[in-house]
Amino acid sequence: MVTPNIPKALRQYQQVSKSGAAYASPHRLIQMLMEGALERIAVAKGCIQRQDIAAKGEQIGKAVDIIGGLREGLNQEAGGEIAANLDALYDYLQRRLLQANLNSDITILDEVTHLLRPIKEAWDAIGETPAPDSTPPTVGAPT
C-alpha cells in the first residue's frame, strides 16, 4: 500500500478547497483530493461547453494543482513500484489537463476522468484501515 506524504497533500488541498481537510484522516484526505480533481474537471467541461474560457482555465488549473498534491503526497520509499506507477500516471494526467486547457478539448478531460476515476474507486474500496500498532477500543472498555 502507498503511504501518502500527508503534510504536502494537505497543504495542496487547502490551497484549492476550504473544507474539513485539516481534520481528515490520511485516507479521507486522498479521497477528498481525488473528488476535488474530478469535480473541477467536470466543471471545466461545462465551462468549455458554455465557452467560459476564464473559468475553464481556473478549474483546470485547480485540477492540475490537486493532482500535483496527489503526486507530491506519494511516499516513494514506502510505495515502491506502486508509487512510481502512480507518479507517472499523475504526471501524464497533469500534462493532458494542460493540453485540454490549451485546446479547450472535452475529449481530453473525459480521458483524464476515465483514468482517474478507477484509481479513486480503488482507493474508496480499500476503506480506512487502522495503523498496525493501534487497536480499536472495545465497547465498554475503560479508557
N, C-alpha and C. Protein backbone atom coordinates (compact mmCIF):
# COMPACT_ATOMS: atom_id res chain seq x y z
N MET A 1 0.85 -1.18 0.00
CA MET A 1 0.00 0.00 0.00
C MET A 1 0.89 1.23 0.00
N VAL A 2 0.48 2.27 -0.67
CA VAL A 2 1.22 3.50 -0.76
C VAL A 2 0.88 4.38 0.44
N THR A 3 1.90 4.79 1.18
CA THR A 3 1.68 5.66 2.32
C THR A 3 1.84 7.10 1.83
N PRO A 4 0.80 7.91 1.89
CA PRO A 4 0.90 9.26 1.36
C PRO A 4 1.73 10.16 2.27
N ASN A 5 2.35 11.16 1.65
CA ASN A 5 3.05 12.20 2.38
C ASN A 5 1.99 13.24 2.73
N ILE A 6 1.36 13.05 3.85
CA ILE A 6 0.15 13.78 4.22
C ILE A 6 0.37 15.29 4.34
N PRO A 7 1.42 15.78 4.98
CA PRO A 7 1.55 17.24 5.09
C PRO A 7 1.54 17.94 3.74
N LYS A 8 2.23 17.40 2.76
CA LYS A 8 2.26 18.02 1.43
C LYS A 8 0.88 17.97 0.78
N ALA A 9 0.24 16.82 0.85
CA ALA A 9 -1.08 16.68 0.24
C ALA A 9 -2.09 17.59 0.92
N LEU A 10 -2.02 17.69 2.24
CA LEU A 10 -2.93 18.55 2.98
C LEU A 10 -2.76 20.01 2.56
N ARG A 11 -1.53 20.47 2.47
CA ARG A 11 -1.30 21.86 2.05
C ARG A 11 -1.86 22.12 0.66
N GLN A 12 -1.67 21.17 -0.24
CA GLN A 12 -2.18 21.34 -1.60
C GLN A 12 -3.69 21.41 -1.60
N TYR A 13 -4.33 20.53 -0.85
CA TYR A 13 -5.79 20.53 -0.83
C TYR A 13 -6.32 21.82 -0.22
N GLN A 14 -5.69 22.30 0.83
CA GLN A 14 -6.15 23.52 1.48
C GLN A 14 -6.00 24.72 0.56
N GLN A 15 -5.05 24.68 -0.36
CA GLN A 15 -4.88 25.79 -1.30
C GLN A 15 -6.03 25.88 -2.29
N VAL A 16 -6.65 24.77 -2.60
CA VAL A 16 -7.70 24.78 -3.61
C VAL A 16 -9.10 24.55 -3.05
N SER A 17 -9.21 24.23 -1.77
CA SER A 17 -10.53 23.95 -1.21
C SER A 17 -10.57 24.35 0.25
N LYS A 18 -11.63 24.97 0.64
CA LYS A 18 -11.85 25.32 2.03
C LYS A 18 -12.84 24.33 2.60
N SER A 19 -12.35 23.32 3.28
CA SER A 19 -13.23 22.30 3.83
C SER A 19 -12.63 21.75 5.10
N GLY A 20 -13.06 20.59 5.50
CA GLY A 20 -12.58 19.95 6.70
C GLY A 20 -11.29 19.17 6.48
N ALA A 21 -10.49 19.56 5.51
CA ALA A 21 -9.27 18.82 5.19
C ALA A 21 -8.32 18.76 6.37
N ALA A 22 -8.29 19.79 7.20
CA ALA A 22 -7.37 19.81 8.33
C ALA A 22 -7.71 18.71 9.34
N TYR A 23 -8.95 18.24 9.34
CA TYR A 23 -9.37 17.23 10.31
C TYR A 23 -9.54 15.85 9.68
N ALA A 24 -9.25 15.73 8.40
CA ALA A 24 -9.44 14.47 7.70
C ALA A 24 -8.31 13.49 8.01
N SER A 25 -8.67 12.21 8.01
CA SER A 25 -7.65 11.17 8.13
C SER A 25 -6.83 11.15 6.84
N PRO A 26 -5.65 10.56 6.87
CA PRO A 26 -4.87 10.46 5.63
C PRO A 26 -5.64 9.80 4.50
N HIS A 27 -6.38 8.74 4.81
CA HIS A 27 -7.16 8.05 3.79
C HIS A 27 -8.22 8.97 3.21
N ARG A 28 -8.95 9.65 4.07
CA ARG A 28 -10.01 10.56 3.62
C ARG A 28 -9.44 11.73 2.84
N LEU A 29 -8.28 12.20 3.22
CA LEU A 29 -7.65 13.31 2.51
C LEU A 29 -7.39 12.94 1.05
N ILE A 30 -6.89 11.75 0.81
CA ILE A 30 -6.65 11.31 -0.57
C ILE A 30 -7.97 11.22 -1.31
N GLN A 31 -9.00 10.70 -0.66
CA GLN A 31 -10.33 10.66 -1.29
C GLN A 31 -10.79 12.07 -1.67
N MET A 32 -10.60 13.01 -0.75
CA MET A 32 -11.02 14.39 -1.00
C MET A 32 -10.26 15.00 -2.16
N LEU A 33 -8.98 14.71 -2.24
CA LEU A 33 -8.19 15.24 -3.36
C LEU A 33 -8.72 14.70 -4.68
N MET A 34 -8.95 13.41 -4.73
CA MET A 34 -9.45 12.82 -5.97
C MET A 34 -10.84 13.34 -6.32
N GLU A 35 -11.71 13.44 -5.32
CA GLU A 35 -13.04 14.00 -5.55
C GLU A 35 -12.93 15.43 -6.07
N GLY A 36 -12.05 16.21 -5.47
CA GLY A 36 -11.87 17.59 -5.89
C GLY A 36 -11.39 17.70 -7.32
N ALA A 37 -10.44 16.85 -7.69
CA ALA A 37 -9.93 16.88 -9.07
C ALA A 37 -11.03 16.52 -10.06
N LEU A 38 -11.76 15.44 -9.76
CA LEU A 38 -12.84 15.02 -10.66
C LEU A 38 -13.92 16.09 -10.77
N GLU A 39 -14.24 16.72 -9.66
CA GLU A 39 -15.26 17.77 -9.67
C GLU A 39 -14.81 18.95 -10.53
N ARG A 40 -13.58 19.37 -10.38
CA ARG A 40 -13.09 20.52 -11.15
C ARG A 40 -13.00 20.20 -12.64
N ILE A 41 -12.68 18.96 -12.96
CA ILE A 41 -12.65 18.56 -14.37
C ILE A 41 -14.06 18.61 -14.95
N ALA A 42 -15.04 18.14 -14.19
CA ALA A 42 -16.44 18.19 -14.66
C ALA A 42 -16.90 19.63 -14.85
N VAL A 43 -16.54 20.51 -13.93
CA VAL A 43 -16.92 21.92 -14.05
C VAL A 43 -16.23 22.54 -15.26
N ALA A 44 -14.95 22.19 -15.46
CA ALA A 44 -14.22 22.72 -16.62
C ALA A 44 -14.88 22.29 -17.93
N LYS A 45 -15.37 21.08 -17.95
CA LYS A 45 -16.08 20.59 -19.14
C LYS A 45 -17.30 21.46 -19.43
N GLY A 46 -18.06 21.77 -18.40
CA GLY A 46 -19.20 22.66 -18.57
C GLY A 46 -18.79 24.05 -19.02
N CYS A 47 -17.67 24.52 -18.50
CA CYS A 47 -17.16 25.84 -18.90
C CYS A 47 -16.81 25.86 -20.38
N ILE A 48 -16.22 24.78 -20.87
CA ILE A 48 -15.89 24.70 -22.30
C ILE A 48 -17.18 24.73 -23.11
N GLN A 49 -18.18 23.99 -22.68
CA GLN A 49 -19.44 23.95 -23.41
C GLN A 49 -20.12 25.31 -23.44
N ARG A 50 -19.94 26.09 -22.36
CA ARG A 50 -20.53 27.43 -22.29
C ARG A 50 -19.59 28.50 -22.86
N GLN A 51 -18.41 28.07 -23.28
CA GLN A 51 -17.37 28.97 -23.81
C GLN A 51 -16.94 30.01 -22.78
N ASP A 52 -16.89 29.59 -21.53
CA ASP A 52 -16.40 30.44 -20.45
C ASP A 52 -14.92 30.11 -20.26
N ILE A 53 -14.09 30.76 -21.06
CA ILE A 53 -12.67 30.44 -21.14
C ILE A 53 -11.95 30.72 -19.82
N ALA A 54 -12.26 31.83 -19.18
CA ALA A 54 -11.57 32.18 -17.93
C ALA A 54 -11.86 31.14 -16.85
N ALA A 55 -13.13 30.77 -16.68
CA ALA A 55 -13.49 29.79 -15.67
C ALA A 55 -12.90 28.42 -16.00
N LYS A 56 -12.88 28.07 -17.30
CA LYS A 56 -12.28 26.80 -17.72
C LYS A 56 -10.83 26.74 -17.28
N GLY A 57 -10.09 27.80 -17.53
CA GLY A 57 -8.68 27.83 -17.16
C GLY A 57 -8.48 27.73 -15.65
N GLU A 58 -9.35 28.40 -14.91
CA GLU A 58 -9.25 28.35 -13.45
C GLU A 58 -9.52 26.94 -12.93
N GLN A 59 -10.57 26.30 -13.44
CA GLN A 59 -10.93 24.96 -12.98
C GLN A 59 -9.87 23.93 -13.36
N ILE A 60 -9.38 24.01 -14.57
CA ILE A 60 -8.34 23.06 -14.98
C ILE A 60 -7.06 23.31 -14.19
N GLY A 61 -6.75 24.57 -13.93
CA GLY A 61 -5.58 24.88 -13.11
C GLY A 61 -5.68 24.29 -11.73
N LYS A 62 -6.87 24.36 -11.14
CA LYS A 62 -7.08 23.76 -9.82
C LYS A 62 -6.95 22.24 -9.88
N ALA A 63 -7.47 21.63 -10.94
CA ALA A 63 -7.35 20.18 -11.08
C ALA A 63 -5.88 19.77 -11.21
N VAL A 64 -5.12 20.54 -11.98
CA VAL A 64 -3.68 20.28 -12.12
C VAL A 64 -2.99 20.38 -10.76
N ASP A 65 -3.35 21.41 -9.99
CA ASP A 65 -2.76 21.59 -8.66
C ASP A 65 -3.11 20.43 -7.73
N ILE A 66 -4.35 19.99 -7.77
CA ILE A 66 -4.77 18.89 -6.90
C ILE A 66 -4.02 17.61 -7.27
N ILE A 67 -3.93 17.33 -8.55
CA ILE A 67 -3.19 16.14 -8.96
C ILE A 67 -1.71 16.28 -8.58
N GLY A 68 -1.21 17.51 -8.65
CA GLY A 68 0.15 17.76 -8.15
C GLY A 68 0.27 17.44 -6.68
N GLY A 69 -0.77 17.75 -5.90
CA GLY A 69 -0.78 17.42 -4.49
C GLY A 69 -0.80 15.91 -4.26
N LEU A 70 -1.57 15.20 -5.08
CA LEU A 70 -1.56 13.74 -5.00
C LEU A 70 -0.17 13.21 -5.31
N ARG A 71 0.45 13.80 -6.29
CA ARG A 71 1.78 13.37 -6.72
C ARG A 71 2.82 13.63 -5.64
N GLU A 72 2.78 14.83 -5.07
CA GLU A 72 3.72 15.18 -4.02
C GLU A 72 3.49 14.34 -2.77
N GLY A 73 2.25 13.90 -2.57
CA GLY A 73 1.92 13.11 -1.40
C GLY A 73 2.38 11.66 -1.47
N LEU A 74 2.86 11.23 -2.62
CA LEU A 74 3.32 9.84 -2.74
C LEU A 74 4.58 9.64 -1.90
N ASN A 75 4.63 8.53 -1.21
CA ASN A 75 5.80 8.16 -0.44
C ASN A 75 6.59 7.17 -1.30
N GLN A 76 7.57 7.69 -2.03
CA GLN A 76 8.32 6.87 -2.98
C GLN A 76 9.07 5.73 -2.30
N GLU A 77 9.58 5.98 -1.10
CA GLU A 77 10.34 4.94 -0.41
C GLU A 77 9.44 3.77 0.01
N ALA A 78 8.33 4.08 0.64
CA ALA A 78 7.44 3.03 1.12
C ALA A 78 6.58 2.45 0.00
N GLY A 79 6.28 3.26 -1.01
CA GLY A 79 5.35 2.83 -2.04
C GLY A 79 5.93 2.00 -3.15
N GLY A 80 7.24 2.03 -3.31
CA GLY A 80 7.90 1.22 -4.32
C GLY A 80 7.34 1.40 -5.72
N GLU A 81 7.07 0.28 -6.36
CA GLU A 81 6.61 0.28 -7.75
C GLU A 81 5.24 0.94 -7.90
N ILE A 82 4.37 0.74 -6.93
CA ILE A 82 3.04 1.34 -7.00
C ILE A 82 3.16 2.86 -6.99
N ALA A 83 3.98 3.39 -6.10
CA ALA A 83 4.16 4.84 -6.04
C ALA A 83 4.78 5.36 -7.33
N ALA A 84 5.73 4.63 -7.89
CA ALA A 84 6.35 5.05 -9.14
C ALA A 84 5.34 5.06 -10.28
N ASN A 85 4.48 4.05 -10.32
CA ASN A 85 3.45 4.00 -11.36
C ASN A 85 2.43 5.12 -11.20
N LEU A 86 2.02 5.39 -9.95
CA LEU A 86 1.09 6.49 -9.71
C LEU A 86 1.72 7.82 -10.07
N ASP A 87 3.00 7.99 -9.76
CA ASP A 87 3.70 9.22 -10.10
C ASP A 87 3.68 9.44 -11.61
N ALA A 88 3.96 8.40 -12.36
CA ALA A 88 3.95 8.51 -13.83
C ALA A 88 2.53 8.82 -14.33
N LEU A 89 1.53 8.18 -13.74
CA LEU A 89 0.14 8.44 -14.14
C LEU A 89 -0.23 9.88 -13.83
N TYR A 90 0.07 10.35 -12.62
CA TYR A 90 -0.28 11.72 -12.25
C TYR A 90 0.44 12.73 -13.14
N ASP A 91 1.69 12.44 -13.49
CA ASP A 91 2.43 13.32 -14.41
C ASP A 91 1.69 13.38 -15.76
N TYR A 92 1.30 12.24 -16.25
CA TYR A 92 0.57 12.17 -17.52
C TYR A 92 -0.74 12.95 -17.43
N LEU A 93 -1.48 12.75 -16.34
CA LEU A 93 -2.75 13.45 -16.19
C LEU A 93 -2.56 14.96 -16.16
N GLN A 94 -1.53 15.43 -15.48
CA GLN A 94 -1.26 16.86 -15.44
C GLN A 94 -0.96 17.39 -16.84
N ARG A 95 -0.13 16.67 -17.58
CA ARG A 95 0.19 17.12 -18.95
C ARG A 95 -1.04 17.13 -19.85
N ARG A 96 -1.89 16.12 -19.70
CA ARG A 96 -3.10 16.06 -20.52
C ARG A 96 -4.06 17.20 -20.16
N LEU A 97 -4.15 17.51 -18.88
CA LEU A 97 -5.01 18.63 -18.48
C LEU A 97 -4.51 19.94 -19.08
N LEU A 98 -3.22 20.12 -19.11
CA LEU A 98 -2.67 21.34 -19.72
C LEU A 98 -3.02 21.39 -21.20
N GLN A 99 -2.94 20.24 -21.88
CA GLN A 99 -3.33 20.20 -23.29
C GLN A 99 -4.82 20.49 -23.46
N ALA A 100 -5.63 19.95 -22.57
CA ALA A 100 -7.07 20.21 -22.63
C ALA A 100 -7.35 21.69 -22.46
N ASN A 101 -6.62 22.32 -21.56
CA ASN A 101 -6.80 23.76 -21.34
C ASN A 101 -6.41 24.55 -22.58
N LEU A 102 -5.27 24.22 -23.15
CA LEU A 102 -4.81 24.96 -24.35
C LEU A 102 -5.78 24.83 -25.52
N ASN A 103 -6.36 23.65 -25.66
CA ASN A 103 -7.20 23.38 -26.83
C ASN A 103 -8.69 23.36 -26.53
N SER A 104 -9.06 23.64 -25.27
CA SER A 104 -10.47 23.54 -24.86
C SER A 104 -11.07 22.22 -25.33
N ASP A 105 -10.38 21.14 -25.01
CA ASP A 105 -10.71 19.81 -25.52
C ASP A 105 -11.42 18.96 -24.47
N ILE A 106 -12.72 18.79 -24.67
CA ILE A 106 -13.53 17.99 -23.76
C ILE A 106 -13.11 16.53 -23.80
N THR A 107 -12.69 16.05 -24.96
CA THR A 107 -12.27 14.65 -25.10
C THR A 107 -11.11 14.34 -24.17
N ILE A 108 -10.18 15.26 -24.04
CA ILE A 108 -9.04 15.04 -23.14
C ILE A 108 -9.51 15.05 -21.69
N LEU A 109 -10.45 15.94 -21.36
CA LEU A 109 -10.99 15.96 -19.99
C LEU A 109 -11.66 14.63 -19.68
N ASP A 110 -12.38 14.08 -20.65
CA ASP A 110 -13.02 12.77 -20.47
C ASP A 110 -11.97 11.68 -20.27
N GLU A 111 -10.87 11.76 -21.01
CA GLU A 111 -9.79 10.79 -20.87
C GLU A 111 -9.20 10.83 -19.46
N VAL A 112 -8.94 12.04 -18.97
CA VAL A 112 -8.37 12.18 -17.62
C VAL A 112 -9.34 11.63 -16.58
N THR A 113 -10.61 11.95 -16.74
CA THR A 113 -11.63 11.41 -15.82
C THR A 113 -11.64 9.90 -15.87
N HIS A 114 -11.59 9.35 -17.08
CA HIS A 114 -11.61 7.90 -17.28
C HIS A 114 -10.40 7.22 -16.61
N LEU A 115 -9.27 7.89 -16.57
CA LEU A 115 -8.07 7.33 -15.94
C LEU A 115 -8.06 7.52 -14.42
N LEU A 116 -8.57 8.65 -13.96
CA LEU A 116 -8.52 8.95 -12.53
C LEU A 116 -9.63 8.24 -11.73
N ARG A 117 -10.79 8.10 -12.32
CA ARG A 117 -11.93 7.52 -11.59
C ARG A 117 -11.64 6.11 -11.06
N PRO A 118 -11.04 5.20 -11.84
CA PRO A 118 -10.77 3.86 -11.28
C PRO A 118 -9.77 3.89 -10.11
N ILE A 119 -8.85 4.84 -10.14
CA ILE A 119 -7.90 4.97 -9.03
C ILE A 119 -8.68 5.38 -7.78
N LYS A 120 -9.56 6.34 -7.94
CA LYS A 120 -10.38 6.79 -6.81
C LYS A 120 -11.27 5.65 -6.30
N GLU A 121 -11.89 4.92 -7.21
CA GLU A 121 -12.77 3.82 -6.81
C GLU A 121 -11.99 2.75 -6.06
N ALA A 122 -10.77 2.48 -6.50
CA ALA A 122 -9.93 1.50 -5.80
C ALA A 122 -9.56 2.02 -4.42
N TRP A 123 -9.26 3.30 -4.33
CA TRP A 123 -8.93 3.89 -3.03
C TRP A 123 -10.14 3.83 -2.10
N ASP A 124 -11.32 4.13 -2.65
CA ASP A 124 -12.54 4.05 -1.86
C ASP A 124 -12.79 2.62 -1.37
N ALA A 125 -12.50 1.63 -2.21
CA ALA A 125 -12.75 0.24 -1.87
C ALA A 125 -11.82 -0.26 -0.76
N ILE A 126 -10.66 0.35 -0.65
CA ILE A 126 -9.71 -0.05 0.39
C ILE A 126 -10.33 0.19 1.76
N GLY A 127 -11.01 1.31 1.88
CA GLY A 127 -11.56 1.68 3.18
C GLY A 127 -10.44 2.11 4.10
N GLU A 128 -10.81 2.70 5.19
CA GLU A 128 -9.80 3.13 6.15
C GLU A 128 -9.38 1.95 7.00
N THR A 129 -8.10 1.81 7.16
CA THR A 129 -7.57 0.75 8.00
C THR A 129 -6.81 1.38 9.14
N PRO A 130 -6.95 0.84 10.34
CA PRO A 130 -6.21 1.41 11.46
C PRO A 130 -4.72 1.15 11.30
N ALA A 131 -3.93 1.99 11.92
CA ALA A 131 -2.48 1.82 11.89
C ALA A 131 -2.14 0.47 12.51
N PRO A 132 -1.06 -0.19 12.05
CA PRO A 132 -0.73 -1.52 12.54
C PRO A 132 -0.54 -1.60 14.05
N ASP A 133 -0.09 -0.53 14.69
CA ASP A 133 0.16 -0.58 16.11
C ASP A 133 -1.02 -0.11 16.94
N SER A 134 -2.12 0.22 16.29
CA SER A 134 -3.29 0.67 17.05
C SER A 134 -4.39 -0.38 16.98
N THR A 135 -5.05 -0.55 18.07
CA THR A 135 -6.19 -1.47 18.10
C THR A 135 -7.41 -0.66 18.48
N PRO A 136 -8.51 -0.91 17.84
CA PRO A 136 -9.71 -0.16 18.16
C PRO A 136 -10.16 -0.47 19.58
N PRO A 137 -10.68 0.52 20.27
CA PRO A 137 -11.14 0.26 21.64
C PRO A 137 -12.34 -0.67 21.64
N THR A 138 -12.41 -1.46 22.67
CA THR A 138 -13.54 -2.35 22.86
C THR A 138 -14.67 -1.55 23.50
N VAL A 139 -15.88 -1.79 23.03
CA VAL A 139 -17.02 -1.06 23.59
C VAL A 139 -17.12 -1.39 25.06
N GLY A 140 -17.21 -0.35 25.87
CA GLY A 140 -17.36 -0.52 27.30
C GLY A 140 -16.05 -0.71 28.04
N ALA A 141 -14.95 -0.79 27.32
CA ALA A 141 -13.66 -0.95 27.98
C ALA A 141 -13.23 0.36 28.60
N PRO A 142 -12.53 0.31 29.74
CA PRO A 142 -12.06 1.56 30.36
C PRO A 142 -11.04 2.24 29.46
N THR A 143 -11.04 3.55 29.48
CA THR A 143 -10.10 4.31 28.65
C THR A 143 -8.97 4.85 29.47
